[in-house]
Amino acid sequence: MVAPATFIDSLWAVKVLCFDEGRVTVPALVEILDKDFEGNEPLRQYIINRIPKHCTGDETLDAFSAKVLHDLSGVSGQTNGRGGRYYPAFYAHEIFRPLGERTSATPDGRKAGYPLSRGLSPSEFLTGITPLHMLHSTARLDLTEFTDSFALEMTLPKLDGERGQTVLASIVRQFLEAGGSTLQFNLLDAAALRDAQVHPDQHRDLLVRVCGYSFYFVKLSRTQQNEVIARAARI
């Protein structure tokens, strides 16, 4: 499975918009998504800014997320089409971007062609997400129900010296105490990344975490580079 934040946030948006508030009907929402929110930007901004999202620390949504993921884990042990057994897992790696390119707009406010969410991380278009929010939401989930690759990626500004080590150690400790599975960091400087695009020869040793793996920034495709820069710009 892929993109739990996209999935959870979309389900929650449908619940809020169509059933709790009655702001729009399900058929009308489907039509809006088919048109990629064209002519409905105010509604899209309402969804993005007023409806809680995964990893924002909202307790009601976190409880909903825990239930949804628990229900998904129920495929464990069921027979698949090849006679084997299903094991629930979230694939955290590069596929989130190419799948997003082929996926239409989703009810969480994501526009067509935009990347899906990465691993356990919040949706790509959100801003203002703090490590505390992410840790709080992770603590509500039972990650032992999923066998592999459920990675939470945190993009942070560059943290140097003893203070940086203390901050990172505290985050790792809290993540483990919350029952976390896999945690990966990106310590990024958007200006340095943009300079690396212009002067790749001067930044050949610049490593970044893509999603589930690290790679030299200057060897990534332009699309991948821009996606990593966009993460840094949201800090």
C-alpha atoms as a PDB file:
ATOM      1  CA  MET A   1       0.000   0.000   0.000  1.00  0.00           C
ATOM      2  CA  VAL A   2       1.064   3.612  -0.480  1.00  0.00           C
ATOM      3  CA  ALA A   3       0.199   7.140   0.674  1.00  0.00           C
ATOM      4  CA  PRO A   4      -1.669   6.686   3.989  1.00  0.00           C
ATOM      5  CA  ALA A   5      -1.852  10.458   4.582  1.00  0.00           C
ATOM      6  CA  THR A   6      -3.455  11.053   1.177  1.00  0.00           C
ATOM      7  CA  PHE A   7      -5.903   8.230   1.877  1.00  0.00           C
ATOM      8  CA  ILE A   8      -6.761   9.185   5.454  1.00  0.00           C
ATOM      9  CA  ASP A   9      -7.043  12.921   4.766  1.00  0.00           C
ATOM     10  CA  SER A  10      -9.253  12.251   1.734  1.00  0.00           C
ATOM     11  CA  LEU A  11     -11.617  10.002   3.699  1.00  0.00           C
ATOM     12  CA  TRP A  12     -11.792  12.561   6.495  1.00  0.00           C
ATOM     13  CA  ALA A  13     -12.483  15.403   4.049  1.00  0.00           C
ATOM     14  CA  VAL A  14     -15.370  13.466   2.486  1.00  0.00           C
ATOM     15  CA  LYS A  15     -16.781  12.784   5.958  1.00  0.00           C
ATOM     16  CA  VAL A  16     -16.566  16.440   6.993  1.00  0.00           C
ATOM     17  CA  LEU A  17     -17.659  18.066   3.734  1.00  0.00           C
ATOM     18  CA  CYS A  18     -20.422  15.702   2.658  1.00  0.00           C
ATOM     19  CA  PHE A  19     -21.802  14.256   5.884  1.00  0.00           C
ATOM     20  CA  ASP A  20     -20.889  16.399   8.901  1.00  0.00           C
ATOM     21  CA  GLU A  21     -21.259  19.846   7.332  1.00  0.00           C
ATOM     22  CA  GLY A  22     -23.310  19.105   4.221  1.00  0.00           C
ATOM     23  CA  ARG A  23     -21.202  21.665   2.379  1.00  0.00           C
ATOM     24  CA  VAL A  24     -21.215  19.601  -0.832  1.00  0.00           C
ATOM     25  CA  THR A  25     -22.793  16.344  -1.997  1.00  0.00           C
ATOM     26  CA  VAL A  26     -20.732  13.303  -2.906  1.00  0.00           C
ATOM     27  CA  PRO A  27     -21.651  13.489  -6.643  1.00  0.00           C
ATOM     28  CA  ALA A  28     -20.803  17.209  -6.678  1.00  0.00           C
ATOM     29  CA  LEU A  29     -17.456  16.537  -4.995  1.00  0.00           C
ATOM     30  CA  VAL A  30     -16.658  13.852  -7.568  1.00  0.00           C
ATOM     31  CA  GLU A  31     -17.349  16.365 -10.352  1.00  0.00           C
ATOM     32  CA  ILE A  32     -15.141  18.976  -8.645  1.00  0.00           C
ATOM     33  CA  LEU A  33     -12.288  16.475  -8.417  1.00  0.00           C
ATOM     34  CA  ASP A  34     -12.741  15.426 -12.049  1.00  0.00           C
ATOM     35  CA  LYS A  35     -12.220  19.102 -12.977  1.00  0.00           C
ATOM     36  CA  ASP A  36      -9.153  19.388 -10.696  1.00  0.00           C
ATOM     37  CA  PHE A  37     -10.877  21.997  -8.468  1.00  0.00           C
ATOM     38  CA  GLU A  38     -11.211  24.369 -11.443  1.00  0.00           C
ATOM     39  CA  GLY A  39     -13.537  27.203 -10.348  1.00  0.00           C
ATOM     40  CA  ASN A  40     -13.542  25.842  -6.780  1.00  0.00           C
ATOM     41  CA  GLU A  41     -10.278  27.140  -5.350  1.00  0.00           C
ATOM     42  CA  PRO A  42     -12.048  28.614  -2.258  1.00  0.00           C
ATOM     43  CA  LEU A  43     -13.347  25.135  -1.425  1.00  0.00           C
ATOM     44  CA  ARG A  44      -9.876  23.675  -1.966  1.00  0.00           C
ATOM     45  CA  GLN A  45      -8.342  26.247   0.379  1.00  0.00           C
ATOM     46  CA  TYR A  46     -11.042  25.492   2.952  1.00  0.00           C
ATOM     47  CA  ILE A  47     -10.153  21.791   2.761  1.00  0.00           C
ATOM     48  CA  ILE A  48      -6.423  22.465   3.084  1.00  0.00           C
ATOM     49  CA  ASN A  49      -6.579  25.080   5.834  1.00  0.00           C
ATOM     50  CA  ARG A  50      -9.699  24.294   7.868  1.00  0.00           C
ATOM     51  CA  ILE A  51     -10.049  20.509   7.847  1.00  0.00           C
ATOM     52  CA  PRO A  52      -7.491  18.671  10.057  1.00  0.00           C
ATOM     53  CA  LYS A  53      -4.824  16.575   8.377  1.00  0.00           C
ATOM     54  CA  HIS A  54      -2.645  13.592   9.265  1.00  0.00           C
ATOM     55  CA  CYS A  55       0.364  14.540  11.401  1.00  0.00           C
ATOM     56  CA  THR A  56      -1.094  17.852  12.573  1.00  0.00           C
ATOM     57  CA  GLY A  57      -1.729  16.554  16.101  1.00  0.00           C
ATOM     58  CA  ASP A  58      -5.539  16.670  15.927  1.00  0.00           C
ATOM     59  CA  GLU A  59      -6.737  14.030  18.396  1.00  0.00           C
ATOM     60  CA  THR A  60     -10.065  13.318  16.686  1.00  0.00           C
ATOM     61  CA  LEU A  61      -8.410  12.757  13.342  1.00  0.00           C
ATOM     62  CA  ASP A  62      -5.620  10.720  14.944  1.00  0.00           C
ATOM     63  CA  ALA A  63      -8.211   8.374  16.435  1.00  0.00           C
ATOM     64  CA  PHE A  64      -9.833   8.085  12.996  1.00  0.00           C
ATOM     65  CA  SER A  65      -6.418   7.366  11.430  1.00  0.00           C
ATOM     66  CA  ALA A  66      -5.733   4.615  13.967  1.00  0.00           C
ATOM     67  CA  LYS A  67      -9.049   2.936  13.160  1.00  0.00           C
ATOM     68  CA  VAL A  68      -8.581   3.197   9.383  1.00  0.00           C
ATOM     69  CA  LEU A  69      -5.071   1.728   9.516  1.00  0.00           C
ATOM     70  CA  HIS A  70      -6.177  -1.011  11.890  1.00  0.00           C
ATOM     71  CA  ASP A  71      -8.953  -1.958   9.451  1.00  0.00           C
ATOM     72  CA  LEU A  72      -6.457  -2.025   6.567  1.00  0.00           C
ATOM     73  CA  SER A  73      -4.180  -4.341   8.522  1.00  0.00           C
ATOM     74  CA  GLY A  74      -7.006  -6.879   8.531  1.00  0.00           C
ATOM     75  CA  VAL A  75      -5.812  -8.177   5.154  1.00  0.00           C
ATOM     76  CA  SER A  76      -3.030  -9.964   7.039  1.00  0.00           C
ATOM     77  CA  GLY A  77      -3.110 -13.688   6.384  1.00  0.00           C
ATOM     78  CA  GLN A  78      -5.795 -13.548   3.711  1.00  0.00           C
ATOM     79  CA  THR A  79      -5.095 -15.520   0.557  1.00  0.00           C
ATOM     80  CA  ASN A  80      -3.880 -13.511  -2.413  1.00  0.00           C
ATOM     81  CA  GLY A  81      -4.382 -14.237  -6.111  1.00  0.00           C
ATOM     82  CA  ARG A  82      -1.238 -16.384  -6.312  1.00  0.00           C
ATOM     83  CA  GLY A  83      -2.153 -18.610  -3.395  1.00  0.00           C
ATOM     84  CA  GLY A  84       0.156 -16.878  -0.943  1.00  0.00           C
ATOM     85  CA  ARG A  85      -0.676 -14.735   2.068  1.00  0.00           C
ATOM     86  CA  TYR A  86      -1.131 -11.000   2.281  1.00  0.00           C
ATOM     87  CA  TYR A  87       1.083  -9.087   4.672  1.00  0.00           C
ATOM     88  CA  PRO A  88       0.109  -5.439   5.192  1.00  0.00           C
ATOM     89  CA  ALA A  89       2.901  -2.967   4.467  1.00  0.00           C
ATOM     90  CA  PHE A  90       3.298   0.578   3.190  1.00  0.00           C
ATOM     91  CA  TYR A  91       5.809   1.042   0.413  1.00  0.00           C
ATOM     92  CA  ALA A  92       7.687   4.203   1.308  1.00  0.00           C
ATOM     93  CA  HIS A  93      10.030   4.734  -1.588  1.00  0.00           C
ATOM     94  CA  GLU A  94      10.123   6.565  -4.921  1.00  0.00           C
ATOM     95  CA  ILE A  95       6.777   5.289  -6.178  1.00  0.00           C
ATOM     96  CA  PHE A  96       4.854   8.057  -4.345  1.00  0.00           C
ATOM     97  CA  ARG A  97       5.900  10.575  -7.017  1.00  0.00           C
ATOM     98  CA  PRO A  98       5.224   8.680 -10.296  1.00  0.00           C
ATOM     99  CA  LEU A  99       1.940   7.355  -8.918  1.00  0.00           C
ATOM    100  CA  GLY A 100       0.966  10.920  -8.040  1.00  0.00           C
ATOM    101  CA  GLU A 101       1.685  12.003 -11.604  1.00  0.00           C
ATOM    102  CA  ARG A 102      -0.985   9.556 -12.789  1.00  0.00           C
ATOM    103  CA  THR A 103      -3.537  10.209 -10.046  1.00  0.00           C
ATOM    104  CA  SER A 104      -6.354  12.738 -10.398  1.00  0.00           C
ATOM    105  CA  ALA A 105      -7.230  15.314  -7.730  1.00  0.00           C
ATOM    106  CA  THR A 106      -8.093  13.895  -4.313  1.00  0.00           C
ATOM    107  CA  PRO A 107     -10.575  15.119  -1.670  1.00  0.00           C
ATOM    108  CA  ASP A 108      -7.782  16.255   0.680  1.00  0.00           C
ATOM    109  CA  GLY A 109      -7.072  19.242  -1.581  1.00  0.00           C
ATOM    110  CA  ARG A 110      -4.253  17.644  -3.550  1.00  0.00           C
ATOM    111  CA  LYS A 111      -4.343  18.611  -7.231  1.00  0.00           C
ATOM    112  CA  ALA A 112      -4.005  16.185 -10.127  1.00  0.00           C
ATOM    113  CA  GLY A 113      -0.465  15.101 -10.903  1.00  0.00           C
ATOM    114  CA  TYR A 114       0.935  16.226  -7.548  1.00  0.00           C
ATOM    115  CA  PRO A 115       2.938  13.652  -5.541  1.00  0.00           C
ATOM    116  CA  LEU A 116       1.106  11.388  -3.132  1.00  0.00           C
ATOM    117  CA  SER A 117       2.172  11.393   0.504  1.00  0.00           C
ATOM    118  CA  ARG A 118       5.471   9.673   1.399  1.00  0.00           C
ATOM    119  CA  GLY A 119       5.541   6.751   3.799  1.00  0.00           C
ATOM    120  CA  LEU A 120       3.990   7.776   7.102  1.00  0.00           C
ATOM    121  CA  SER A 121       4.698  11.461   6.460  1.00  0.00           C
ATOM    122  CA  PRO A 122       2.065  14.198   6.043  1.00  0.00           C
ATOM    123  CA  SER A 123       0.890  15.257   2.602  1.00  0.00           C
ATOM    124  CA  GLU A 124       3.413  17.061   0.427  1.00  0.00           C
ATOM    125  CA  PHE A 125       1.472  20.321   0.050  1.00  0.00           C
ATOM    126  CA  LEU A 126       1.035  21.018   3.775  1.00  0.00           C
ATOM    127  CA  THR A 127       3.077  23.604   5.662  1.00  0.00           C
ATOM    128  CA  GLY A 128       3.615  24.315   9.348  1.00  0.00           C
ATOM    129  CA  ILE A 129       3.931  20.674  10.395  1.00  0.00           C
ATOM    130  CA  THR A 130       6.211  20.339  13.421  1.00  0.00           C
ATOM    131  CA  PRO A 131       8.110  17.278  14.707  1.00  0.00           C
ATOM    132  CA  LEU A 132       5.936  17.416  17.825  1.00  0.00           C
ATOM    133  CA  HIS A 133       2.763  17.143  15.728  1.00  0.00           C
ATOM    134  CA  MET A 134       4.188  14.227  13.776  1.00  0.00           C
ATOM    135  CA  LEU A 135       5.293  12.374  16.906  1.00  0.00           C
ATOM    136  CA  HIS A 136       1.931  12.970  18.585  1.00  0.00           C
ATOM    137  CA  SER A 137       0.039  11.507  15.616  1.00  0.00           C
ATOM    138  CA  THR A 138       2.425   8.562  15.278  1.00  0.00           C
ATOM    139  CA  ALA A 139       1.899   7.632  18.908  1.00  0.00           C
ATOM    140  CA  ARG A 140      -1.784   6.904  18.221  1.00  0.00           C
ATOM    141  CA  LEU A 141      -0.996   4.275  15.562  1.00  0.00           C
ATOM    142  CA  ASP A 142      -0.136   0.616  16.070  1.00  0.00           C
ATOM    143  CA  LEU A 143       2.710   0.239  13.592  1.00  0.00           C
ATOM    144  CA  THR A 144       3.312  -3.379  14.645  1.00  0.00           C
ATOM    145  CA  GLU A 145       0.341  -4.251  12.419  1.00  0.00           C
ATOM    146  CA  PHE A 146       2.426  -3.456   9.327  1.00  0.00           C
ATOM    147  CA  THR A 147       5.389  -5.540   8.363  1.00  0.00           C
ATOM    148  CA  ASP A 148       7.684  -3.257   6.386  1.00  0.00           C
ATOM    149  CA  SER A 149       8.702   0.159   5.080  1.00  0.00           C
ATOM    150  CA  PHE A 150       6.429   2.366   7.193  1.00  0.00           C
ATOM    151  CA  ALA A 151       8.919   5.260   7.272  1.00  0.00           C
ATOM    152  CA  LEU A 152       8.316   8.674   8.800  1.00  0.00           C
ATOM    153  CA  GLU A 153      10.449  11.348   7.140  1.00  0.00           C
ATOM    154  CA  MET A 154      11.199  14.618   8.936  1.00  0.00           C
ATOM    155  CA  THR A 155      12.616  17.521   6.976  1.00  0.00           C
ATOM    156  CA  LEU A 156      14.452  19.924   9.293  1.00  0.00           C
ATOM    157  CA  PRO A 157      16.798  22.877   8.831  1.00  0.00           C
ATOM    158  CA  LYS A 158      20.493  22.157   9.185  1.00  0.00           C
ATOM    159  CA  LEU A 159      21.291  21.488  12.840  1.00  0.00           C
ATOM    160  CA  ASP A 160      24.965  21.857  13.703  1.00  0.00           C
ATOM    161  CA  GLY A 161      26.976  21.169  16.841  1.00  0.00           C
ATOM    162  CA  GLU A 162      25.929  19.850  20.222  1.00  0.00           C
ATOM    163  CA  ARG A 163      22.532  21.527  20.133  1.00  0.00           C
ATOM    164  CA  GLY A 164      21.687  19.788  16.866  1.00  0.00           C
ATOM    165  CA  GLN A 165      22.717  16.426  18.273  1.00  0.00           C
ATOM    166  CA  THR A 166      20.546  16.989  21.338  1.00  0.00           C
ATOM    167  CA  VAL A 167      17.501  17.884  19.224  1.00  0.00           C
ATOM    168  CA  LEU A 168      17.881  14.868  16.950  1.00  0.00           C
ATOM    169  CA  ALA A 169      18.473  12.501  19.866  1.00  0.00           C
ATOM    170  CA  SER A 170      15.330  13.784  21.596  1.00  0.00           C
ATOM    171  CA  ILE A 171      13.233  13.271  18.469  1.00  0.00           C
ATOM    172  CA  VAL A 172      14.549   9.724  17.975  1.00  0.00           C
ATOM    173  CA  ARG A 173      13.884   8.890  21.629  1.00  0.00           C
ATOM    174  CA  GLN A 174      10.310  10.197  21.482  1.00  0.00           C
ATOM    175  CA  PHE A 175       9.690   8.383  18.199  1.00  0.00           C
ATOM    176  CA  LEU A 176      10.767   5.064  19.711  1.00  0.00           C
ATOM    177  CA  GLU A 177       8.721   5.655  22.849  1.00  0.00           C
ATOM    178  CA  ALA A 178       5.707   6.327  20.612  1.00  0.00           C
ATOM    179  CA  GLY A 179       6.140   2.891  19.025  1.00  0.00           C
ATOM    180  CA  GLY A 180       7.592   4.223  15.786  1.00  0.00           C
ATOM    181  CA  SER A 181       9.042   1.863  13.198  1.00  0.00           C
ATOM    182  CA  THR A 182      11.358   3.720  10.796  1.00  0.00           C
ATOM    183  CA  LEU A 183      12.462   7.356  11.087  1.00  0.00           C
ATOM    184  CA  GLN A 184      14.547   9.214   8.546  1.00  0.00           C
ATOM    185  CA  PHE A 185      15.837  12.790   8.605  1.00  0.00           C
ATOM    186  CA  ASN A 186      16.546  15.346   5.929  1.00  0.00           C
ATOM    187  CA  LEU A 187      18.565  18.317   7.185  1.00  0.00           C
ATOM    188  CA  LEU A 188      18.173  20.669   4.250  1.00  0.00           C
ATOM    189  CA  ASP A 189      19.055  24.176   3.177  1.00  0.00           C
ATOM    190  CA  ALA A 190      16.893  25.263   0.226  1.00  0.00           C
ATOM    191  CA  ALA A 191      19.417  27.885  -0.900  1.00  0.00           C
ATOM    192  CA  ALA A 192      22.243  25.321  -0.963  1.00  0.00           C
ATOM    193  CA  LEU A 193      20.097  22.889  -2.943  1.00  0.00           C
ATOM    194  CA  ARG A 194      19.232  25.530  -5.529  1.00  0.00           C
ATOM    195  CA  ASP A 195      22.909  26.404  -5.832  1.00  0.00           C
ATOM    196  CA  ALA A 196      23.677  22.723  -6.361  1.00  0.00           C
ATOM    197  CA  GLN A 197      21.325  22.715  -9.340  1.00  0.00           C
ATOM    198  CA  VAL A 198      23.238  25.609 -10.883  1.00  0.00           C
ATOM    199  CA  HIS A 199      26.742  24.482  -9.862  1.00  0.00           C
ATOM    200  CA  PRO A 200      26.607  20.663  -9.559  1.00  0.00           C
ATOM    201  CA  ASP A 201      30.409  20.324  -9.686  1.00  0.00           C
ATOM    202  CA  GLN A 202      30.641  22.194  -6.383  1.00  0.00           C
ATOM    203  CA  HIS A 203      28.159  19.937  -4.586  1.00  0.00           C
ATOM    204  CA  ARG A 204      28.994  16.410  -5.723  1.00  0.00           C
ATOM    205  CA  ASP A 205      29.096  15.104  -2.129  1.00  0.00           C
ATOM    206  CA  LEU A 206      25.681  16.517  -1.152  1.00  0.00           C
ATOM    207  CA  LEU A 207      23.518  13.602   0.038  1.00  0.00           C
ATOM    208  CA  VAL A 208      19.768  13.841   0.551  1.00  0.00           C
ATOM    209  CA  ARG A 209      17.161  11.412   1.756  1.00  0.00           C
ATOM    210  CA  VAL A 210      14.700  10.771  -1.084  1.00  0.00           C
ATOM    211  CA  CYS A 211      12.256   8.363   0.539  1.00  0.00           C
ATOM    212  CA  GLY A 212      13.547   5.187   2.107  1.00  0.00           C
ATOM    213  CA  TYR A 213      16.967   5.682   0.551  1.00  0.00           C
ATOM    214  CA  SER A 214      19.689   8.329   0.242  1.00  0.00           C
ATOM    215  CA  PHE A 215      21.216   9.595  -2.985  1.00  0.00           C
ATOM    216  CA  TYR A 216      23.573  12.256  -4.277  1.00  0.00           C
ATOM    217  CA  PHE A 217      21.459  15.321  -4.944  1.00  0.00           C
ATOM    218  CA  VAL A 218      23.208  16.297  -8.194  1.00  0.00           C
ATOM    219  CA  LYS A 219      22.556  12.812  -9.651  1.00  0.00           C
ATOM    220  CA  LEU A 220      18.804  12.983  -9.094  1.00  0.00           C
ATOM    221  CA  SER A 221      16.524  13.932 -11.976  1.00  0.00           C
ATOM    222  CA  ARG A 222      15.425  17.562 -12.167  1.00  0.00           C
ATOM    223  CA  THR A 223      11.929  16.562 -11.044  1.00  0.00           C
ATOM    224  CA  GLN A 224      13.312  14.728  -8.017  1.00  0.00           C
ATOM    225  CA  GLN A 225      15.584  17.659  -7.177  1.00  0.00           C
ATOM    226  CA  ASN A 226      12.670  20.092  -7.317  1.00  0.00           C
ATOM    227  CA  GLU A 227      10.628  17.847  -5.045  1.00  0.00           C
ATOM    228  CA  VAL A 228      13.400  17.757  -2.431  1.00  0.00           C
ATOM    229  CA  ILE A 229      13.839  21.558  -2.694  1.00  0.00           C
ATOM    230  CA  ALA A 230      10.089  21.987  -2.172  1.00  0.00           C
ATOM    231  CA  ARG A 231      10.381  20.033   1.089  1.00  0.00           C
ATOM    232  CA  ALA A 232      13.167  22.322   2.276  1.00  0.00           C
ATOM    233  CA  ALA A 233      11.165  25.404   1.328  1.00  0.00           C
ATOM    234  CA  ARG A 234       8.274  24.260   3.549  1.00  0.00           C
ATOM    235  CA  ILE A 235      10.394  24.230   6.720  1.00  0.00           C
END
